[in-house]
Amino acid sequence: MRSLVLALAMLAAGGWGVVHLCAGEADAAPPAAAPATRGPSVIASIAFDVRGIATAELRDLLASRPGDRLDAQALDRDRDALHGALVARGYLAAQVAAPAVTLDAAGAAFVTFAIAQGPLYRVRSVAVHGASAIEVGPITLAAGDVAQADRIAAARIALADRLRRGGVTANVKTDDANAAVDIELTVAPSRSARR
């Protein structure tokens, strides 16, 4: 079986698995060599080279699917979507390599996204500026929590709703050496306080 490797960005680390998203069982492995065809390649399978992350959720993020025509721009958007989702889940140092695409002799494309999610970042501290502790009340984030974008946004919104004045901004400072974040929630002064 002959194949043409266009790009290879696989991580070589023991214990890493590859999970395939295939158009059908017959497409799970590259088919036997057939006469070369002309025209656009069709995606036969999409795989993830990753450990410790459920690939079902990653699959749902992709616009590209087996059976679609190979489209470099769509794969770039898929890569960005994968990276954004990992960062939002607390993997702030995540890296998603450019997809490796292998074509068989018939032109079927086998796509692999190599993902190094890095450490899961945790909240080290939460500070609130511009309001008293009595006004602030309980904060829904605490040291040790996973630094998830939706949880940080929810804490910011809950504080703004509770105070019913001005806006609340969240500033997240990362400490890559310790896989930690420090969160500062800053409450804008009320209109009466600005006068």
N, C-alpha and C. Protein backbone atom coordinates (compact mmCIF):
# COMPACT_ATOMS: atom_id res chain seq x y z
N MET A 1 0.85 -1.17 0.00
CA MET A 1 0.00 0.00 0.00
C MET A 1 0.90 1.24 0.00
N ARG A 2 0.68 2.09 -0.97
CA ARG A 2 1.48 3.31 -1.07
C ARG A 2 0.69 4.48 -0.53
N SER A 3 1.36 5.38 0.15
CA SER A 3 0.69 6.60 0.58
C SER A 3 1.66 7.75 0.49
N LEU A 4 1.13 8.90 0.30
CA LEU A 4 1.91 10.12 0.20
C LEU A 4 1.67 10.90 1.47
N VAL A 5 2.72 11.16 2.20
CA VAL A 5 2.58 11.92 3.43
C VAL A 5 2.81 13.39 3.11
N LEU A 6 1.77 14.21 3.28
CA LEU A 6 1.87 15.64 3.03
C LEU A 6 2.47 16.36 4.22
N ALA A 7 2.06 15.98 5.40
CA ALA A 7 2.57 16.64 6.60
C ALA A 7 2.54 15.63 7.73
N LEU A 8 3.53 15.69 8.58
CA LEU A 8 3.53 14.79 9.72
C LEU A 8 3.93 15.59 10.95
N ALA A 9 2.99 15.73 11.85
CA ALA A 9 3.24 16.50 13.07
C ALA A 9 2.79 15.67 14.26
N MET A 10 3.20 14.42 14.30
CA MET A 10 2.79 13.52 15.35
C MET A 10 3.74 13.64 16.55
N LEU A 11 3.19 13.52 17.72
CA LEU A 11 4.00 13.51 18.93
C LEU A 11 4.41 12.07 19.21
N ALA A 12 5.69 11.87 19.48
CA ALA A 12 6.18 10.52 19.76
C ALA A 12 6.38 10.38 21.26
N ALA A 13 5.35 9.90 21.92
CA ALA A 13 5.44 9.70 23.37
C ALA A 13 4.73 8.41 23.70
N GLY A 14 5.30 7.64 24.55
CA GLY A 14 4.71 6.36 24.92
C GLY A 14 3.34 6.54 25.54
N GLY A 15 2.43 5.63 25.22
CA GLY A 15 1.11 5.64 25.81
C GLY A 15 0.11 6.53 25.11
N TRP A 16 0.50 7.21 24.05
CA TRP A 16 -0.43 8.07 23.35
C TRP A 16 -1.21 7.23 22.37
N GLY A 17 -2.49 7.44 22.31
CA GLY A 17 -3.33 6.66 21.41
C GLY A 17 -3.88 7.51 20.30
N VAL A 18 -4.34 6.85 19.28
CA VAL A 18 -4.97 7.53 18.16
C VAL A 18 -6.39 7.02 18.08
N VAL A 19 -7.35 7.93 18.04
CA VAL A 19 -8.75 7.58 17.94
C VAL A 19 -9.24 8.08 16.60
N HIS A 20 -9.90 7.22 15.83
CA HIS A 20 -10.36 7.57 14.49
C HIS A 20 -11.83 7.94 14.49
N LEU A 21 -12.17 8.90 13.65
CA LEU A 21 -13.54 9.25 13.32
C LEU A 21 -13.66 8.89 11.86
N CYS A 22 -14.38 7.85 11.52
CA CYS A 22 -14.39 7.31 10.17
C CYS A 22 -15.77 7.42 9.55
N ALA A 23 -15.77 7.47 8.20
CA ALA A 23 -17.03 7.50 7.46
C ALA A 23 -17.74 6.17 7.58
N GLY A 24 -17.03 5.11 7.70
CA GLY A 24 -17.61 3.78 7.83
C GLY A 24 -16.53 2.80 8.22
N GLU A 25 -16.92 1.59 8.59
CA GLU A 25 -15.94 0.61 9.02
C GLU A 25 -14.90 0.35 7.95
N ALA A 26 -15.32 0.33 6.69
CA ALA A 26 -14.39 0.04 5.61
C ALA A 26 -13.36 1.15 5.47
N ASP A 27 -13.66 2.32 6.01
CA ASP A 27 -12.74 3.45 5.89
C ASP A 27 -11.78 3.55 7.06
N ALA A 28 -11.85 2.66 8.02
CA ALA A 28 -11.03 2.77 9.22
C ALA A 28 -9.55 2.66 8.91
N ALA A 29 -9.17 1.95 7.87
CA ALA A 29 -7.77 1.84 7.47
C ALA A 29 -7.67 2.25 6.01
N PRO A 30 -6.52 2.79 5.60
CA PRO A 30 -6.40 3.20 4.20
C PRO A 30 -6.68 2.01 3.28
N PRO A 31 -7.48 2.22 2.23
CA PRO A 31 -7.79 1.14 1.32
C PRO A 31 -6.57 0.75 0.50
N ALA A 32 -6.65 -0.42 -0.11
CA ALA A 32 -5.56 -0.90 -0.96
C ALA A 32 -5.33 0.09 -2.08
N ALA A 33 -4.11 0.11 -2.58
CA ALA A 33 -3.76 1.05 -3.65
C ALA A 33 -4.68 0.86 -4.84
N ALA A 34 -5.11 1.96 -5.37
CA ALA A 34 -5.98 1.95 -6.55
C ALA A 34 -5.41 2.96 -7.53
N PRO A 35 -5.86 2.94 -8.75
CA PRO A 35 -5.35 3.92 -9.70
C PRO A 35 -5.59 5.33 -9.18
N ALA A 36 -4.59 6.18 -9.33
CA ALA A 36 -4.69 7.56 -8.86
C ALA A 36 -5.83 8.26 -9.60
N THR A 37 -6.56 9.07 -8.84
CA THR A 37 -7.65 9.84 -9.44
C THR A 37 -7.26 11.30 -9.44
N ARG A 38 -7.91 12.00 -10.30
CA ARG A 38 -7.68 13.45 -10.34
C ARG A 38 -8.88 14.12 -9.72
N GLY A 39 -8.66 15.25 -9.13
CA GLY A 39 -9.75 15.96 -8.49
C GLY A 39 -9.49 16.08 -7.00
N PRO A 40 -10.41 16.72 -6.30
CA PRO A 40 -10.20 16.97 -4.87
C PRO A 40 -10.24 15.68 -4.06
N SER A 41 -9.42 15.66 -3.00
CA SER A 41 -9.39 14.52 -2.09
C SER A 41 -10.58 14.60 -1.15
N VAL A 42 -11.03 13.44 -0.72
CA VAL A 42 -12.14 13.34 0.22
C VAL A 42 -11.59 12.79 1.53
N ILE A 43 -12.06 13.35 2.64
CA ILE A 43 -11.60 12.90 3.96
C ILE A 43 -12.17 11.51 4.23
N ALA A 44 -11.28 10.56 4.46
CA ALA A 44 -11.68 9.20 4.81
C ALA A 44 -11.82 9.03 6.31
N SER A 45 -10.93 9.68 7.10
CA SER A 45 -11.02 9.59 8.55
C SER A 45 -10.33 10.78 9.19
N ILE A 46 -10.76 11.06 10.41
CA ILE A 46 -10.14 12.10 11.22
C ILE A 46 -9.79 11.46 12.55
N ALA A 47 -8.53 11.62 12.97
CA ALA A 47 -8.07 11.02 14.22
C ALA A 47 -7.46 12.09 15.12
N PHE A 48 -7.39 11.76 16.41
CA PHE A 48 -6.77 12.64 17.40
C PHE A 48 -5.64 11.87 18.07
N ASP A 49 -4.47 12.46 18.12
CA ASP A 49 -3.35 11.90 18.85
C ASP A 49 -3.27 12.68 20.15
N VAL A 50 -3.91 12.13 21.19
CA VAL A 50 -4.05 12.85 22.46
C VAL A 50 -4.22 11.82 23.57
N ARG A 51 -3.89 12.22 24.77
CA ARG A 51 -4.13 11.35 25.93
C ARG A 51 -4.87 12.14 26.99
N GLY A 52 -5.70 11.45 27.74
CA GLY A 52 -6.35 12.05 28.89
C GLY A 52 -7.52 12.98 28.59
N ILE A 53 -7.97 13.05 27.35
CA ILE A 53 -9.10 13.91 27.01
C ILE A 53 -10.09 13.07 26.21
N ALA A 54 -11.36 13.19 26.55
CA ALA A 54 -12.40 12.45 25.82
C ALA A 54 -12.49 12.98 24.39
N THR A 55 -12.28 12.10 23.44
CA THR A 55 -12.26 12.54 22.04
C THR A 55 -13.66 12.78 21.48
N ALA A 56 -14.69 12.24 22.11
CA ALA A 56 -16.05 12.45 21.61
C ALA A 56 -16.39 13.95 21.63
N GLU A 57 -16.00 14.64 22.68
CA GLU A 57 -16.25 16.08 22.76
C GLU A 57 -15.43 16.84 21.71
N LEU A 58 -14.22 16.38 21.46
CA LEU A 58 -13.38 17.03 20.45
C LEU A 58 -14.00 16.87 19.07
N ARG A 59 -14.52 15.68 18.77
CA ARG A 59 -15.14 15.43 17.47
C ARG A 59 -16.27 16.40 17.20
N ASP A 60 -17.05 16.69 18.24
CA ASP A 60 -18.20 17.58 18.08
C ASP A 60 -17.80 19.00 17.70
N LEU A 61 -16.56 19.37 17.96
CA LEU A 61 -16.09 20.73 17.65
C LEU A 61 -15.72 20.92 16.18
N LEU A 62 -15.52 19.82 15.48
CA LEU A 62 -15.02 19.89 14.10
C LEU A 62 -16.13 20.18 13.11
N ALA A 63 -15.83 21.05 12.16
CA ALA A 63 -16.73 21.27 11.03
C ALA A 63 -16.46 20.22 9.96
N SER A 64 -15.22 19.79 9.83
CA SER A 64 -14.84 18.78 8.84
C SER A 64 -15.32 17.41 9.31
N ARG A 65 -15.79 16.62 8.37
CA ARG A 65 -16.30 15.29 8.66
C ARG A 65 -15.82 14.32 7.58
N PRO A 66 -15.70 13.03 7.92
CA PRO A 66 -15.41 12.05 6.89
C PRO A 66 -16.46 12.14 5.78
N GLY A 67 -15.99 12.08 4.55
CA GLY A 67 -16.87 12.23 3.40
C GLY A 67 -16.82 13.63 2.80
N ASP A 68 -16.34 14.62 3.59
CA ASP A 68 -16.18 15.99 3.08
C ASP A 68 -14.95 16.07 2.19
N ARG A 69 -14.95 17.03 1.31
CA ARG A 69 -13.75 17.31 0.53
C ARG A 69 -12.68 17.90 1.44
N LEU A 70 -11.44 17.54 1.18
CA LEU A 70 -10.32 18.05 1.96
C LEU A 70 -10.21 19.55 1.71
N ASP A 71 -10.23 20.32 2.78
CA ASP A 71 -10.20 21.79 2.70
C ASP A 71 -9.25 22.31 3.77
N ALA A 72 -8.10 22.85 3.32
CA ALA A 72 -7.08 23.32 4.26
C ALA A 72 -7.61 24.41 5.18
N GLN A 73 -8.43 25.32 4.66
CA GLN A 73 -8.97 26.39 5.50
C GLN A 73 -9.92 25.83 6.56
N ALA A 74 -10.74 24.86 6.19
CA ALA A 74 -11.64 24.25 7.17
C ALA A 74 -10.84 23.53 8.25
N LEU A 75 -9.77 22.85 7.86
CA LEU A 75 -8.93 22.17 8.86
C LEU A 75 -8.26 23.18 9.78
N ASP A 76 -7.87 24.34 9.26
CA ASP A 76 -7.30 25.39 10.11
C ASP A 76 -8.33 25.89 11.11
N ARG A 77 -9.58 26.06 10.66
CA ARG A 77 -10.65 26.48 11.58
C ARG A 77 -10.90 25.40 12.63
N ASP A 78 -10.85 24.14 12.21
CA ASP A 78 -11.02 23.04 13.16
C ASP A 78 -9.90 23.06 14.21
N ARG A 79 -8.70 23.30 13.76
CA ARG A 79 -7.55 23.38 14.68
C ARG A 79 -7.76 24.50 15.69
N ASP A 80 -8.20 25.67 15.21
CA ASP A 80 -8.46 26.80 16.11
C ASP A 80 -9.58 26.46 17.09
N ALA A 81 -10.61 25.78 16.62
CA ALA A 81 -11.73 25.40 17.50
C ALA A 81 -11.25 24.44 18.59
N LEU A 82 -10.43 23.48 18.22
CA LEU A 82 -9.88 22.54 19.19
C LEU A 82 -9.05 23.28 20.24
N HIS A 83 -8.17 24.17 19.78
CA HIS A 83 -7.32 24.93 20.71
C HIS A 83 -8.17 25.79 21.64
N GLY A 84 -9.13 26.51 21.10
CA GLY A 84 -9.99 27.36 21.92
C GLY A 84 -10.76 26.59 22.97
N ALA A 85 -11.25 25.42 22.60
CA ALA A 85 -12.00 24.60 23.56
C ALA A 85 -11.10 24.09 24.68
N LEU A 86 -9.88 23.70 24.36
CA LEU A 86 -8.95 23.23 25.38
C LEU A 86 -8.59 24.35 26.35
N VAL A 87 -8.32 25.54 25.82
CA VAL A 87 -8.00 26.69 26.67
C VAL A 87 -9.20 27.02 27.57
N ALA A 88 -10.40 27.01 27.01
CA ALA A 88 -11.60 27.31 27.79
C ALA A 88 -11.82 26.31 28.92
N ARG A 89 -11.33 25.09 28.75
CA ARG A 89 -11.47 24.04 29.77
C ARG A 89 -10.34 24.05 30.79
N GLY A 90 -9.42 25.01 30.67
CA GLY A 90 -8.36 25.13 31.67
C GLY A 90 -7.00 24.66 31.21
N TYR A 91 -6.88 24.18 29.99
CA TYR A 91 -5.57 23.77 29.45
C TYR A 91 -4.97 24.98 28.73
N LEU A 92 -4.52 25.95 29.50
CA LEU A 92 -4.09 27.23 28.95
C LEU A 92 -2.82 27.13 28.11
N ALA A 93 -2.04 26.09 28.28
CA ALA A 93 -0.81 25.92 27.50
C ALA A 93 -1.00 24.90 26.37
N ALA A 94 -2.24 24.59 26.04
CA ALA A 94 -2.52 23.58 25.02
C ALA A 94 -1.91 23.96 23.68
N GLN A 95 -1.46 22.94 22.98
CA GLN A 95 -0.94 23.13 21.62
C GLN A 95 -1.60 22.10 20.72
N VAL A 96 -2.13 22.58 19.61
CA VAL A 96 -2.71 21.70 18.60
C VAL A 96 -1.88 21.91 17.34
N ALA A 97 -1.18 20.85 16.93
CA ALA A 97 -0.31 20.94 15.76
C ALA A 97 -1.15 21.04 14.49
N ALA A 98 -0.54 21.56 13.44
CA ALA A 98 -1.20 21.56 12.15
C ALA A 98 -1.57 20.11 11.82
N PRO A 99 -2.74 19.90 11.25
CA PRO A 99 -3.16 18.51 11.00
C PRO A 99 -2.22 17.80 10.03
N ALA A 100 -1.92 16.56 10.36
CA ALA A 100 -1.13 15.71 9.46
C ALA A 100 -2.12 15.08 8.49
N VAL A 101 -1.84 15.18 7.22
CA VAL A 101 -2.72 14.63 6.20
C VAL A 101 -1.95 13.61 5.37
N THR A 102 -2.48 12.41 5.31
CA THR A 102 -1.88 11.35 4.51
C THR A 102 -2.88 11.00 3.41
N LEU A 103 -2.40 10.96 2.17
CA LEU A 103 -3.25 10.58 1.04
C LEU A 103 -2.86 9.19 0.58
N ASP A 104 -3.87 8.36 0.32
CA ASP A 104 -3.54 7.07 -0.28
C ASP A 104 -3.48 7.25 -1.80
N ALA A 105 -3.16 6.18 -2.50
CA ALA A 105 -2.99 6.25 -3.95
C ALA A 105 -4.27 6.67 -4.66
N ALA A 106 -5.42 6.41 -4.06
CA ALA A 106 -6.70 6.80 -4.67
C ALA A 106 -7.08 8.23 -4.33
N GLY A 107 -6.33 8.88 -3.46
CA GLY A 107 -6.61 10.26 -3.09
C GLY A 107 -7.43 10.43 -1.83
N ALA A 108 -7.74 9.35 -1.12
CA ALA A 108 -8.46 9.46 0.14
C ALA A 108 -7.54 10.10 1.18
N ALA A 109 -8.08 11.02 1.96
CA ALA A 109 -7.29 11.76 2.94
C ALA A 109 -7.55 11.25 4.35
N PHE A 110 -6.46 11.00 5.07
CA PHE A 110 -6.51 10.56 6.46
C PHE A 110 -5.88 11.67 7.29
N VAL A 111 -6.69 12.31 8.14
CA VAL A 111 -6.29 13.52 8.87
C VAL A 111 -6.07 13.16 10.34
N THR A 112 -4.96 13.65 10.91
CA THR A 112 -4.68 13.46 12.33
C THR A 112 -4.32 14.80 12.97
N PHE A 113 -5.00 15.12 14.06
CA PHE A 113 -4.67 16.29 14.86
C PHE A 113 -3.86 15.81 16.07
N ALA A 114 -2.60 16.25 16.17
CA ALA A 114 -1.77 15.94 17.33
C ALA A 114 -1.99 17.04 18.37
N ILE A 115 -2.35 16.63 19.58
CA ILE A 115 -2.70 17.59 20.64
C ILE A 115 -1.83 17.32 21.86
N ALA A 116 -1.17 18.37 22.32
CA ALA A 116 -0.45 18.33 23.60
C ALA A 116 -1.19 19.30 24.52
N GLN A 117 -2.06 18.78 25.37
CA GLN A 117 -2.91 19.66 26.17
C GLN A 117 -2.15 20.38 27.26
N GLY A 118 -1.02 19.87 27.69
CA GLY A 118 -0.27 20.51 28.76
C GLY A 118 -0.99 20.36 30.09
N PRO A 119 -0.53 21.08 31.10
CA PRO A 119 -1.13 20.94 32.43
C PRO A 119 -2.49 21.62 32.52
N LEU A 120 -3.31 21.13 33.41
CA LEU A 120 -4.59 21.74 33.71
C LEU A 120 -4.33 22.87 34.71
N TYR A 121 -4.62 24.09 34.32
CA TYR A 121 -4.36 25.25 35.18
C TYR A 121 -5.43 25.34 36.27
N ARG A 122 -4.99 25.78 37.44
CA ARG A 122 -5.89 25.92 38.59
C ARG A 122 -5.85 27.36 39.10
N VAL A 123 -6.93 27.75 39.76
CA VAL A 123 -7.02 29.07 40.37
C VAL A 123 -6.14 29.07 41.61
N ARG A 124 -5.24 30.05 41.68
CA ARG A 124 -4.39 30.20 42.86
C ARG A 124 -5.01 31.21 43.82
N SER A 125 -5.55 32.30 43.26
CA SER A 125 -6.14 33.33 44.11
C SER A 125 -7.24 34.08 43.35
N VAL A 126 -8.17 34.63 44.13
CA VAL A 126 -9.24 35.48 43.59
C VAL A 126 -9.28 36.73 44.45
N ALA A 127 -9.17 37.89 43.81
CA ALA A 127 -9.23 39.16 44.53
C ALA A 127 -10.31 40.03 43.89
N VAL A 128 -11.01 40.79 44.74
CA VAL A 128 -12.04 41.70 44.25
C VAL A 128 -11.63 43.11 44.65
N HIS A 129 -11.65 44.01 43.68
CA HIS A 129 -11.28 45.42 43.91
C HIS A 129 -12.49 46.29 43.59
N GLY A 130 -12.68 47.34 44.37
CA GLY A 130 -13.73 48.31 44.08
C GLY A 130 -15.03 48.08 44.83
N ALA A 131 -15.06 47.12 45.74
CA ALA A 131 -16.25 46.88 46.55
C ALA A 131 -15.81 46.25 47.87
N SER A 132 -16.62 46.48 48.91
CA SER A 132 -16.28 45.92 50.22
C SER A 132 -16.62 44.44 50.26
N ALA A 133 -16.04 43.74 51.22
CA ALA A 133 -16.30 42.31 51.38
C ALA A 133 -17.77 42.04 51.66
N ILE A 134 -18.42 42.96 52.38
CA ILE A 134 -19.85 42.80 52.68
C ILE A 134 -20.66 42.92 51.39
N GLU A 135 -20.31 43.90 50.53
CA GLU A 135 -21.01 44.05 49.26
C GLU A 135 -20.80 42.85 48.34
N VAL A 136 -19.58 42.34 48.35
CA VAL A 136 -19.21 41.27 47.43
C VAL A 136 -19.91 39.97 47.77
N GLY A 137 -19.92 39.59 49.04
CA GLY A 137 -20.52 38.32 49.43
C GLY A 137 -19.66 37.16 48.92
N PRO A 138 -20.25 35.97 48.83
CA PRO A 138 -19.46 34.81 48.40
C PRO A 138 -19.13 34.87 46.91
N ILE A 139 -17.93 34.44 46.58
CA ILE A 139 -17.47 34.36 45.19
C ILE A 139 -17.52 32.88 44.79
N THR A 140 -17.96 32.61 43.59
CA THR A 140 -18.14 31.22 43.16
C THR A 140 -16.86 30.56 42.67
N LEU A 141 -15.74 31.22 42.81
CA LEU A 141 -14.43 30.65 42.47
C LEU A 141 -13.58 30.59 43.73
N ALA A 142 -12.76 29.56 43.80
CA ALA A 142 -11.88 29.43 44.96
C ALA A 142 -10.55 28.85 44.53
N ALA A 143 -9.55 29.03 45.36
CA ALA A 143 -8.24 28.46 45.09
C ALA A 143 -8.38 26.95 44.90
N GLY A 144 -7.72 26.44 43.89
CA GLY A 144 -7.77 25.01 43.60
C GLY A 144 -8.75 24.64 42.50
N ASP A 145 -9.71 25.52 42.21
CA ASP A 145 -10.65 25.25 41.12
C ASP A 145 -9.93 25.24 39.78
N VAL A 146 -10.45 24.48 38.84
CA VAL A 146 -9.92 24.49 37.48
C VAL A 146 -10.21 25.85 36.87
N ALA A 147 -9.25 26.42 36.15
CA ALA A 147 -9.38 27.75 35.55
C ALA A 147 -10.15 27.66 34.24
N GLN A 148 -11.46 27.44 34.35
CA GLN A 148 -12.31 27.33 33.17
C GLN A 148 -12.91 28.68 32.83
N ALA A 149 -12.88 29.02 31.55
CA ALA A 149 -13.37 30.32 31.10
C ALA A 149 -14.82 30.55 31.49
N ASP A 150 -15.68 29.54 31.34
CA ASP A 150 -17.10 29.74 31.66
C ASP A 150 -17.33 29.97 33.15
N ARG A 151 -16.53 29.34 34.00
CA ARG A 151 -16.68 29.56 35.45
C ARG A 151 -16.19 30.95 35.85
N ILE A 152 -15.13 31.42 35.21
CA ILE A 152 -14.63 32.78 35.51
C ILE A 152 -15.66 33.80 35.05
N ALA A 153 -16.22 33.61 33.86
CA ALA A 153 -17.25 34.52 33.35
C ALA A 153 -18.49 34.50 34.24
N ALA A 154 -18.89 33.31 34.70
CA ALA A 154 -20.06 33.21 35.57
C ALA A 154 -19.83 33.94 36.90
N ALA A 155 -18.63 33.84 37.44
CA ALA A 155 -18.32 34.55 38.70
C ALA A 155 -18.39 36.06 38.49
N ARG A 156 -17.87 36.52 37.35
CA ARG A 156 -17.91 37.95 37.03
C ARG A 156 -19.35 38.43 36.89
N ILE A 157 -20.17 37.68 36.18
CA ILE A 157 -21.57 38.06 35.95
C ILE A 157 -22.35 38.01 37.26
N ALA A 158 -22.13 36.98 38.08
CA ALA A 158 -22.84 36.87 39.37
C ALA A 158 -22.51 38.05 40.27
N LEU A 159 -21.25 38.46 40.28
CA LEU A 159 -20.86 39.61 41.10
C LEU A 159 -21.52 40.89 40.58
N ALA A 160 -21.54 41.08 39.28
CA ALA A 160 -22.18 42.27 38.70
C ALA A 160 -23.67 42.29 39.02
N ASP A 161 -24.32 41.14 38.93
CA ASP A 161 -25.75 41.06 39.25
C ASP A 161 -26.01 41.36 40.72
N ARG A 162 -25.15 40.84 41.59
CA ARG A 162 -25.33 41.04 43.03
C ARG A 162 -25.16 42.51 43.40
N LEU A 163 -24.18 43.18 42.80
CA LEU A 163 -23.91 44.57 43.17
C LEU A 163 -24.87 45.55 42.51
N ARG A 164 -25.43 45.19 41.39
CA ARG A 164 -26.38 46.03 40.65
C ARG A 164 -25.87 47.45 40.43
N ARG A 165 -24.59 47.51 40.12
CA ARG A 165 -24.02 48.83 39.80
C ARG A 165 -22.80 48.64 38.91
N GLY A 166 -22.61 49.55 38.01
CA GLY A 166 -21.42 49.52 37.16
C GLY A 166 -21.16 48.15 36.57
N GLY A 167 -20.01 48.01 35.99
CA GLY A 167 -19.62 46.73 35.42
C GLY A 167 -18.54 46.07 36.25
N VAL A 168 -18.32 44.81 35.98
CA VAL A 168 -17.26 44.06 36.64
C VAL A 168 -16.39 43.46 35.54
N THR A 169 -15.09 43.70 35.64
CA THR A 169 -14.16 43.12 34.68
C THR A 169 -13.33 42.04 35.38
N ALA A 170 -12.93 41.06 34.59
CA ALA A 170 -12.08 40.00 35.12
C ALA A 170 -10.73 40.08 34.43
N ASN A 171 -9.68 40.11 35.22
CA ASN A 171 -8.32 40.08 34.70
C ASN A 171 -7.67 38.79 35.20
N VAL A 172 -7.22 37.97 34.25
CA VAL A 172 -6.62 36.68 34.60
C VAL A 172 -5.14 36.74 34.31
N LYS A 173 -4.34 36.55 35.35
CA LYS A 173 -2.89 36.53 35.20
C LYS A 173 -2.42 35.09 35.33
N THR A 174 -1.65 34.64 34.34
CA THR A 174 -1.20 33.25 34.35
C THR A 174 0.22 33.13 34.87
N ASP A 175 0.45 32.04 35.55
CA ASP A 175 1.78 31.65 36.00
C ASP A 175 2.05 30.30 35.38
N ASP A 176 2.70 30.31 34.21
CA ASP A 176 2.92 29.08 33.45
C ASP A 176 3.81 28.09 34.20
N ALA A 177 4.77 28.59 34.95
CA ALA A 177 5.69 27.70 35.67
C ALA A 177 4.96 26.83 36.70
N ASN A 178 3.86 27.36 37.24
CA ASN A 178 3.12 26.64 38.27
C ASN A 178 1.72 26.21 37.81
N ALA A 179 1.41 26.41 36.53
CA ALA A 179 0.09 26.07 35.97
C ALA A 179 -1.02 26.65 36.85
N ALA A 180 -0.89 27.94 37.15
CA ALA A 180 -1.83 28.60 38.05
C ALA A 180 -2.28 29.92 37.46
N VAL A 181 -3.45 30.39 37.91
CA VAL A 181 -3.94 31.70 37.52
C VAL A 181 -4.34 32.47 38.76
N ASP A 182 -4.15 33.78 38.69
CA ASP A 182 -4.63 34.71 39.71
C ASP A 182 -5.70 35.55 39.03
N ILE A 183 -6.87 35.61 39.65
CA ILE A 183 -8.01 36.30 39.06
C ILE A 183 -8.30 37.55 39.87
N GLU A 184 -8.40 38.68 39.16
CA GLU A 184 -8.78 39.95 39.78
C GLU A 184 -10.11 40.39 39.18
N LEU A 185 -11.12 40.52 40.02
CA LEU A 185 -12.42 41.04 39.61
C LEU A 185 -12.48 42.49 40.06
N THR A 186 -12.62 43.39 39.10
CA THR A 186 -12.62 44.81 39.41
C THR A 186 -14.01 45.38 39.16
N VAL A 187 -14.56 45.98 40.21
CA VAL A 187 -15.90 46.56 40.13
C VAL A 187 -15.77 48.04 39.76
N ALA A 188 -16.47 48.43 38.70
CA ALA A 188 -16.47 49.82 38.29
C ALA A 188 -17.25 50.63 39.33
N PRO A 189 -16.82 51.86 39.58
CA PRO A 189 -17.54 52.68 40.57
C PRO A 189 -18.98 52.94 40.10
N SER A 190 -19.88 53.06 41.07
CA SER A 190 -21.27 53.37 40.72
C SER A 190 -21.34 54.79 40.19
N ARG A 191 -22.42 55.09 39.50
CA ARG A 191 -22.58 56.44 38.92
C ARG A 191 -22.60 57.51 40.00
N SER A 192 -23.21 57.21 41.14
CA SER A 192 -23.28 58.21 42.22
C SER A 192 -21.89 58.43 42.81
N ALA A 193 -21.05 57.44 42.83
CA ALA A 193 -19.70 57.58 43.39
C ALA A 193 -18.80 58.37 42.46
N ARG A 194 -19.14 58.42 41.15
CA ARG A 194 -18.31 59.13 40.18
C ARG A 194 -18.57 60.63 40.22
N ARG A 195 -19.67 61.08 40.79
CA ARG A 195 -20.04 62.50 40.79
C ARG A 195 -19.27 63.31 41.77
